[in-house]
């Protein structure tokens, strides 16, 4: 499944630097656009998030280690997902709409408009 980053909110880079990426489709509420990476899905696959899968931002690949109980539904219906990078501090059970990812190569990805995101 592929999606394309179309805009990056003003405060999104600070969140990314701290290990969190929040993604929404372009119809996100105005109050959330400032903190999010807005994206446009390039296909309509559903239920694509799964433990052991991967998410890549261009060539920056991360393994999916945890998928919250609401993550696939939120991503399918709203294009919303919160991604925690290399994070072992959060209580996963308190973040049902989130996924946790890790990489030995990357701490956090570089995110920019027109970037392809691939989920396998």
N, C-alpha and C. Protein backbone atom coordinates (compact mmCIF):
# COMPACT_ATOMS: atom_id res chain seq x y z
N UNK A 1 0.86 -1.17 0.00
CA UNK A 1 0.00 0.00 0.00
C UNK A 1 0.90 1.23 0.00
N UNK A 2 0.54 2.21 -0.80
CA UNK A 2 1.32 3.45 -0.82
C UNK A 2 0.42 4.65 -0.58
N UNK A 3 1.02 5.64 0.06
CA UNK A 3 0.38 6.91 0.28
C UNK A 3 1.45 7.98 0.06
N UNK A 4 1.01 9.20 -0.19
CA UNK A 4 1.96 10.28 -0.49
C UNK A 4 1.75 11.43 0.48
N UNK A 5 2.85 11.88 1.10
CA UNK A 5 2.78 13.05 1.99
C UNK A 5 2.52 14.27 1.11
N UNK A 6 1.46 15.02 1.42
CA UNK A 6 1.15 16.20 0.59
C UNK A 6 1.42 17.51 1.32
N UNK A 7 1.49 17.48 2.64
CA UNK A 7 1.78 18.70 3.41
C UNK A 7 2.26 18.29 4.80
N UNK A 8 3.04 19.17 5.39
CA UNK A 8 3.57 18.95 6.73
C UNK A 8 3.20 20.14 7.58
N UNK A 9 2.48 19.90 8.67
CA UNK A 9 2.07 20.97 9.57
C UNK A 9 3.26 21.67 10.20
N UNK A 10 3.03 22.90 10.65
CA UNK A 10 4.11 23.75 11.17
C UNK A 10 4.85 23.12 12.36
N UNK A 11 4.13 22.47 13.26
CA UNK A 11 4.79 21.89 14.43
C UNK A 11 5.09 20.40 14.28
N UNK A 12 4.72 19.80 13.15
CA UNK A 12 4.99 18.38 12.92
C UNK A 12 6.48 18.03 13.00
N UNK A 13 7.39 18.84 12.45
CA UNK A 13 8.81 18.47 12.54
C UNK A 13 9.32 18.33 13.98
N UNK A 14 8.80 19.13 14.89
CA UNK A 14 9.22 19.01 16.30
C UNK A 14 8.75 17.68 16.89
N UNK A 15 7.53 17.28 16.57
CA UNK A 15 7.03 15.98 17.05
C UNK A 15 7.86 14.85 16.46
N UNK A 16 8.17 14.94 15.18
CA UNK A 16 8.96 13.90 14.53
C UNK A 16 10.33 13.79 15.19
N UNK A 17 10.95 14.94 15.44
CA UNK A 17 12.25 14.95 16.11
C UNK A 17 12.19 14.23 17.46
N UNK A 18 11.03 14.29 18.11
CA UNK A 18 10.83 13.63 19.40
C UNK A 18 10.27 12.21 19.27
N UNK A 19 10.23 11.70 18.03
CA UNK A 19 9.88 10.30 17.83
C UNK A 19 8.43 9.98 17.56
N UNK A 20 7.62 10.98 17.18
CA UNK A 20 6.20 10.74 16.90
C UNK A 20 5.81 11.40 15.58
N UNK A 21 5.18 10.63 14.72
CA UNK A 21 4.62 11.16 13.48
C UNK A 21 3.12 10.92 13.51
N UNK A 22 2.35 11.99 13.32
CA UNK A 22 0.89 11.90 13.25
C UNK A 22 0.50 12.15 11.81
N UNK A 23 -0.23 11.20 11.23
CA UNK A 23 -0.67 11.32 9.84
C UNK A 23 -2.19 11.39 9.79
N UNK A 24 -2.70 12.23 8.89
CA UNK A 24 -4.13 12.36 8.62
C UNK A 24 -4.34 12.51 7.12
N UNK A 25 -5.55 12.16 6.69
CA UNK A 25 -5.89 12.45 5.29
C UNK A 25 -6.12 13.96 5.16
N UNK A 26 -6.25 14.46 3.94
CA UNK A 26 -6.38 15.92 3.75
C UNK A 26 -7.60 16.56 4.41
N UNK A 27 -8.60 15.76 4.79
CA UNK A 27 -9.82 16.29 5.41
C UNK A 27 -9.71 16.43 6.92
N UNK A 28 -8.49 16.37 7.46
CA UNK A 28 -8.29 16.48 8.90
C UNK A 28 -8.86 17.80 9.42
N UNK A 29 -9.37 17.80 10.65
CA UNK A 29 -9.84 19.06 11.24
C UNK A 29 -8.71 20.09 11.28
N UNK A 30 -9.05 21.34 11.12
CA UNK A 30 -8.06 22.42 11.06
C UNK A 30 -7.13 22.42 12.27
N UNK A 31 -7.67 22.13 13.45
CA UNK A 31 -6.84 22.17 14.66
C UNK A 31 -5.79 21.06 14.69
N UNK A 32 -5.93 20.04 13.85
CA UNK A 32 -4.96 18.95 13.81
C UNK A 32 -3.94 19.08 12.68
N UNK A 33 -4.26 19.90 11.69
CA UNK A 33 -3.37 20.03 10.53
C UNK A 33 -2.00 20.59 10.91
N UNK A 34 -1.91 21.37 11.96
CA UNK A 34 -0.65 21.98 12.37
C UNK A 34 0.34 20.94 12.89
N UNK A 35 -0.15 19.86 13.47
CA UNK A 35 0.74 18.86 14.07
C UNK A 35 0.94 17.63 13.18
N UNK A 36 0.29 17.58 12.05
CA UNK A 36 0.24 16.34 11.27
C UNK A 36 0.95 16.45 9.93
N UNK A 37 1.27 15.26 9.41
CA UNK A 37 1.66 15.12 8.01
C UNK A 37 0.38 14.70 7.29
N UNK A 38 -0.08 15.52 6.37
CA UNK A 38 -1.27 15.17 5.60
C UNK A 38 -0.84 14.29 4.43
N UNK A 39 -1.64 13.27 4.15
CA UNK A 39 -1.27 12.34 3.09
C UNK A 39 -2.47 11.97 2.25
N UNK A 40 -2.20 11.52 1.05
CA UNK A 40 -3.23 11.07 0.12
C UNK A 40 -2.92 9.63 -0.27
N UNK A 41 -3.84 8.72 0.05
CA UNK A 41 -3.63 7.31 -0.29
C UNK A 41 -3.65 7.13 -1.80
N UNK A 42 -2.73 6.31 -2.29
CA UNK A 42 -2.62 6.05 -3.72
C UNK A 42 -3.34 4.77 -4.12
N UNK A 43 -3.79 4.01 -3.16
CA UNK A 43 -4.64 2.85 -3.42
C UNK A 43 -5.56 2.66 -2.22
N UNK A 44 -6.46 1.72 -2.33
CA UNK A 44 -7.50 1.59 -1.30
C UNK A 44 -7.42 0.27 -0.53
N UNK A 45 -6.21 -0.27 -0.37
CA UNK A 45 -6.07 -1.46 0.44
C UNK A 45 -6.44 -1.13 1.89
N UNK A 46 -6.98 -2.11 2.58
CA UNK A 46 -7.36 -1.92 3.98
C UNK A 46 -6.65 -2.94 4.85
N UNK A 47 -6.67 -2.68 6.16
CA UNK A 47 -6.07 -3.60 7.14
C UNK A 47 -4.61 -3.90 6.79
N UNK A 48 -3.85 -2.86 6.45
CA UNK A 48 -2.46 -3.04 5.98
C UNK A 48 -1.44 -3.04 7.11
N UNK A 49 -1.81 -2.61 8.29
CA UNK A 49 -0.87 -2.52 9.40
C UNK A 49 -0.83 -3.84 10.17
N UNK A 50 0.35 -4.44 10.29
CA UNK A 50 0.46 -5.69 11.02
C UNK A 50 1.86 -5.84 11.60
N UNK A 51 1.92 -6.48 12.76
CA UNK A 51 3.20 -6.73 13.42
C UNK A 51 4.07 -7.58 12.49
N UNK A 52 5.33 -7.17 12.35
CA UNK A 52 6.25 -7.85 11.45
C UNK A 52 6.28 -7.25 10.07
N UNK A 53 5.33 -6.36 9.78
CA UNK A 53 5.32 -5.67 8.50
C UNK A 53 6.32 -4.52 8.53
N UNK A 54 6.26 -3.67 7.52
CA UNK A 54 7.18 -2.54 7.47
C UNK A 54 6.48 -1.30 6.96
N UNK A 55 7.06 -0.16 7.33
CA UNK A 55 6.62 1.13 6.80
C UNK A 55 7.89 1.86 6.38
N UNK A 56 7.89 2.35 5.14
CA UNK A 56 9.07 3.02 4.59
C UNK A 56 8.70 4.42 4.15
N UNK A 57 9.60 5.34 4.44
CA UNK A 57 9.49 6.73 4.01
C UNK A 57 10.62 6.91 3.00
N UNK A 58 10.29 6.80 1.70
CA UNK A 58 11.30 6.65 0.65
C UNK A 58 12.16 5.44 1.03
N UNK A 59 13.46 5.61 1.22
CA UNK A 59 14.32 4.46 1.51
C UNK A 59 14.56 4.24 3.00
N UNK A 60 13.85 4.95 3.84
CA UNK A 60 14.00 4.83 5.29
C UNK A 60 12.97 3.83 5.82
N UNK A 61 13.40 2.60 6.04
CA UNK A 61 12.48 1.52 6.40
C UNK A 61 12.48 1.23 7.89
N UNK A 62 11.28 1.02 8.43
CA UNK A 62 11.08 0.69 9.83
C UNK A 62 10.22 -0.57 9.93
N UNK A 63 10.53 -1.41 10.90
CA UNK A 63 9.73 -2.60 11.16
C UNK A 63 8.58 -2.24 12.08
N UNK A 64 7.41 -2.80 11.83
CA UNK A 64 6.25 -2.57 12.69
C UNK A 64 6.29 -3.58 13.84
N UNK A 65 6.40 -3.06 15.07
CA UNK A 65 6.53 -3.91 16.26
C UNK A 65 5.23 -4.06 17.05
N UNK A 66 4.34 -3.11 16.90
CA UNK A 66 3.08 -3.11 17.65
C UNK A 66 2.03 -2.39 16.82
N UNK A 67 0.82 -2.94 16.80
CA UNK A 67 -0.32 -2.30 16.12
C UNK A 67 -1.46 -2.23 17.12
N UNK A 68 -1.87 -1.02 17.46
CA UNK A 68 -2.97 -0.84 18.39
C UNK A 68 -4.28 -1.40 17.85
N UNK A 69 -5.18 -1.71 18.76
CA UNK A 69 -6.45 -2.35 18.39
C UNK A 69 -7.32 -1.50 17.47
N UNK A 70 -7.13 -0.18 17.45
CA UNK A 70 -7.92 0.70 16.60
C UNK A 70 -7.13 1.27 15.43
N UNK A 71 -5.84 0.90 15.31
CA UNK A 71 -4.98 1.52 14.31
C UNK A 71 -5.45 1.28 12.87
N UNK A 72 -5.77 0.04 12.53
CA UNK A 72 -6.20 -0.23 11.16
C UNK A 72 -7.52 0.46 10.83
N UNK A 73 -8.47 0.42 11.75
CA UNK A 73 -9.77 1.07 11.50
C UNK A 73 -9.59 2.58 11.31
N UNK A 74 -8.80 3.21 12.19
CA UNK A 74 -8.56 4.65 12.06
C UNK A 74 -7.86 5.00 10.75
N UNK A 75 -6.87 4.19 10.38
CA UNK A 75 -6.14 4.45 9.14
C UNK A 75 -7.05 4.24 7.93
N UNK A 76 -7.86 3.19 7.95
CA UNK A 76 -8.76 2.90 6.83
C UNK A 76 -9.83 3.97 6.67
N UNK A 77 -10.44 4.40 7.79
CA UNK A 77 -11.58 5.31 7.73
C UNK A 77 -11.19 6.79 7.70
N UNK A 78 -10.14 7.17 8.43
CA UNK A 78 -9.79 8.58 8.59
C UNK A 78 -8.42 8.94 8.00
N UNK A 79 -7.69 7.92 7.60
CA UNK A 79 -6.31 8.16 7.18
C UNK A 79 -5.44 8.58 8.35
N UNK A 80 -5.91 8.29 9.57
CA UNK A 80 -5.18 8.73 10.77
C UNK A 80 -4.38 7.60 11.37
N UNK A 81 -3.14 7.94 11.72
CA UNK A 81 -2.28 7.01 12.44
C UNK A 81 -1.25 7.81 13.20
N UNK A 82 -0.92 7.36 14.40
CA UNK A 82 0.18 7.93 15.17
C UNK A 82 1.28 6.87 15.19
N UNK A 83 2.46 7.27 14.77
CA UNK A 83 3.59 6.35 14.66
C UNK A 83 4.65 6.76 15.68
N UNK A 84 5.02 5.82 16.53
CA UNK A 84 6.06 6.04 17.54
C UNK A 84 7.33 5.33 17.07
N UNK A 85 8.43 6.08 16.95
CA UNK A 85 9.68 5.55 16.43
C UNK A 85 10.64 5.16 17.56
N UNK A 86 11.12 3.91 17.51
CA UNK A 86 12.15 3.44 18.44
C UNK A 86 11.83 3.82 19.88
N UNK A 87 10.59 3.67 20.27
CA UNK A 87 10.13 4.13 21.57
C UNK A 87 9.81 2.93 22.46
N UNK A 88 10.47 2.84 23.58
CA UNK A 88 10.19 1.75 24.52
C UNK A 88 9.60 2.27 25.82
N UNK A 89 9.34 3.57 25.89
CA UNK A 89 8.86 4.19 27.13
C UNK A 89 7.34 4.20 27.27
N UNK A 90 6.63 4.24 26.16
CA UNK A 90 5.17 4.36 26.20
C UNK A 90 4.52 3.03 26.55
N UNK A 91 3.38 3.10 27.20
CA UNK A 91 2.57 1.92 27.47
C UNK A 91 1.71 1.67 26.23
N UNK A 92 2.05 0.65 25.50
CA UNK A 92 1.37 0.37 24.23
C UNK A 92 -0.14 0.21 24.39
N UNK A 93 -0.57 -0.38 25.48
CA UNK A 93 -2.00 -0.64 25.68
C UNK A 93 -2.81 0.63 25.84
N UNK A 94 -2.17 1.75 26.13
CA UNK A 94 -2.88 3.01 26.28
C UNK A 94 -2.98 3.78 24.97
N UNK A 95 -2.44 3.22 23.89
CA UNK A 95 -2.41 3.91 22.60
C UNK A 95 -3.03 3.02 21.52
N UNK A 96 -4.35 2.78 21.58
CA UNK A 96 -4.98 1.83 20.65
C UNK A 96 -4.96 2.27 19.18
N UNK A 97 -4.79 3.56 18.91
CA UNK A 97 -4.77 4.04 17.53
C UNK A 97 -3.38 4.20 16.97
N UNK A 98 -2.39 3.66 17.66
CA UNK A 98 -0.99 3.89 17.30
C UNK A 98 -0.30 2.64 16.82
N UNK A 99 0.85 2.86 16.17
CA UNK A 99 1.76 1.77 15.89
C UNK A 99 3.13 2.17 16.41
N UNK A 100 3.91 1.17 16.80
CA UNK A 100 5.28 1.37 17.24
C UNK A 100 6.17 0.72 16.19
N UNK A 101 7.19 1.44 15.77
CA UNK A 101 8.11 0.94 14.75
C UNK A 101 9.55 1.09 15.23
N UNK A 102 10.44 0.30 14.65
CA UNK A 102 11.85 0.39 15.03
C UNK A 102 12.74 0.17 13.82
N UNK A 103 13.97 0.65 13.96
CA UNK A 103 14.98 0.48 12.94
C UNK A 103 16.35 0.54 13.60
N UNK A 104 17.26 -0.27 13.13
CA UNK A 104 18.63 -0.18 13.62
C UNK A 104 19.41 0.87 12.83
N UNK A 105 18.85 1.30 11.70
CA UNK A 105 19.52 2.24 10.83
C UNK A 105 19.08 3.69 11.03
N UNK A 106 17.83 3.88 11.38
CA UNK A 106 17.26 5.23 11.47
C UNK A 106 16.70 5.46 12.87
N UNK A 107 16.90 6.65 13.41
CA UNK A 107 16.28 7.03 14.67
C UNK A 107 14.86 7.48 14.39
N UNK A 108 14.71 8.49 13.56
CA UNK A 108 13.42 8.97 13.06
C UNK A 108 13.61 9.26 11.58
N UNK A 109 12.55 9.20 10.80
CA UNK A 109 12.70 9.48 9.37
C UNK A 109 12.69 10.98 9.08
N UNK A 110 13.22 11.31 7.94
CA UNK A 110 13.06 12.64 7.39
C UNK A 110 11.74 12.62 6.63
N UNK A 111 10.84 13.55 6.94
CA UNK A 111 9.52 13.60 6.31
C UNK A 111 9.41 14.91 5.54
N UNK A 112 8.91 14.82 4.30
CA UNK A 112 8.76 16.03 3.49
C UNK A 112 7.61 15.84 2.50
N UNK A 113 7.03 16.94 2.01
CA UNK A 113 5.97 16.85 1.00
C UNK A 113 6.46 16.09 -0.25
N UNK A 114 5.54 15.42 -0.88
CA UNK A 114 5.75 14.62 -2.09
C UNK A 114 6.50 13.32 -1.84
N UNK A 115 6.68 12.96 -0.58
CA UNK A 115 7.37 11.75 -0.22
C UNK A 115 6.41 10.57 -0.26
N UNK A 116 6.88 9.44 -0.79
CA UNK A 116 6.08 8.22 -0.79
C UNK A 116 6.28 7.45 0.50
N UNK A 117 5.19 6.96 1.02
CA UNK A 117 5.20 6.10 2.21
C UNK A 117 4.64 4.75 1.76
N UNK A 118 5.39 3.69 2.01
CA UNK A 118 4.98 2.36 1.60
C UNK A 118 4.79 1.49 2.84
N UNK A 119 3.65 0.83 2.91
CA UNK A 119 3.35 -0.08 4.03
C UNK A 119 3.21 -1.48 3.43
N UNK A 120 3.99 -2.41 4.00
CA UNK A 120 3.94 -3.82 3.51
C UNK A 120 3.68 -4.73 4.69
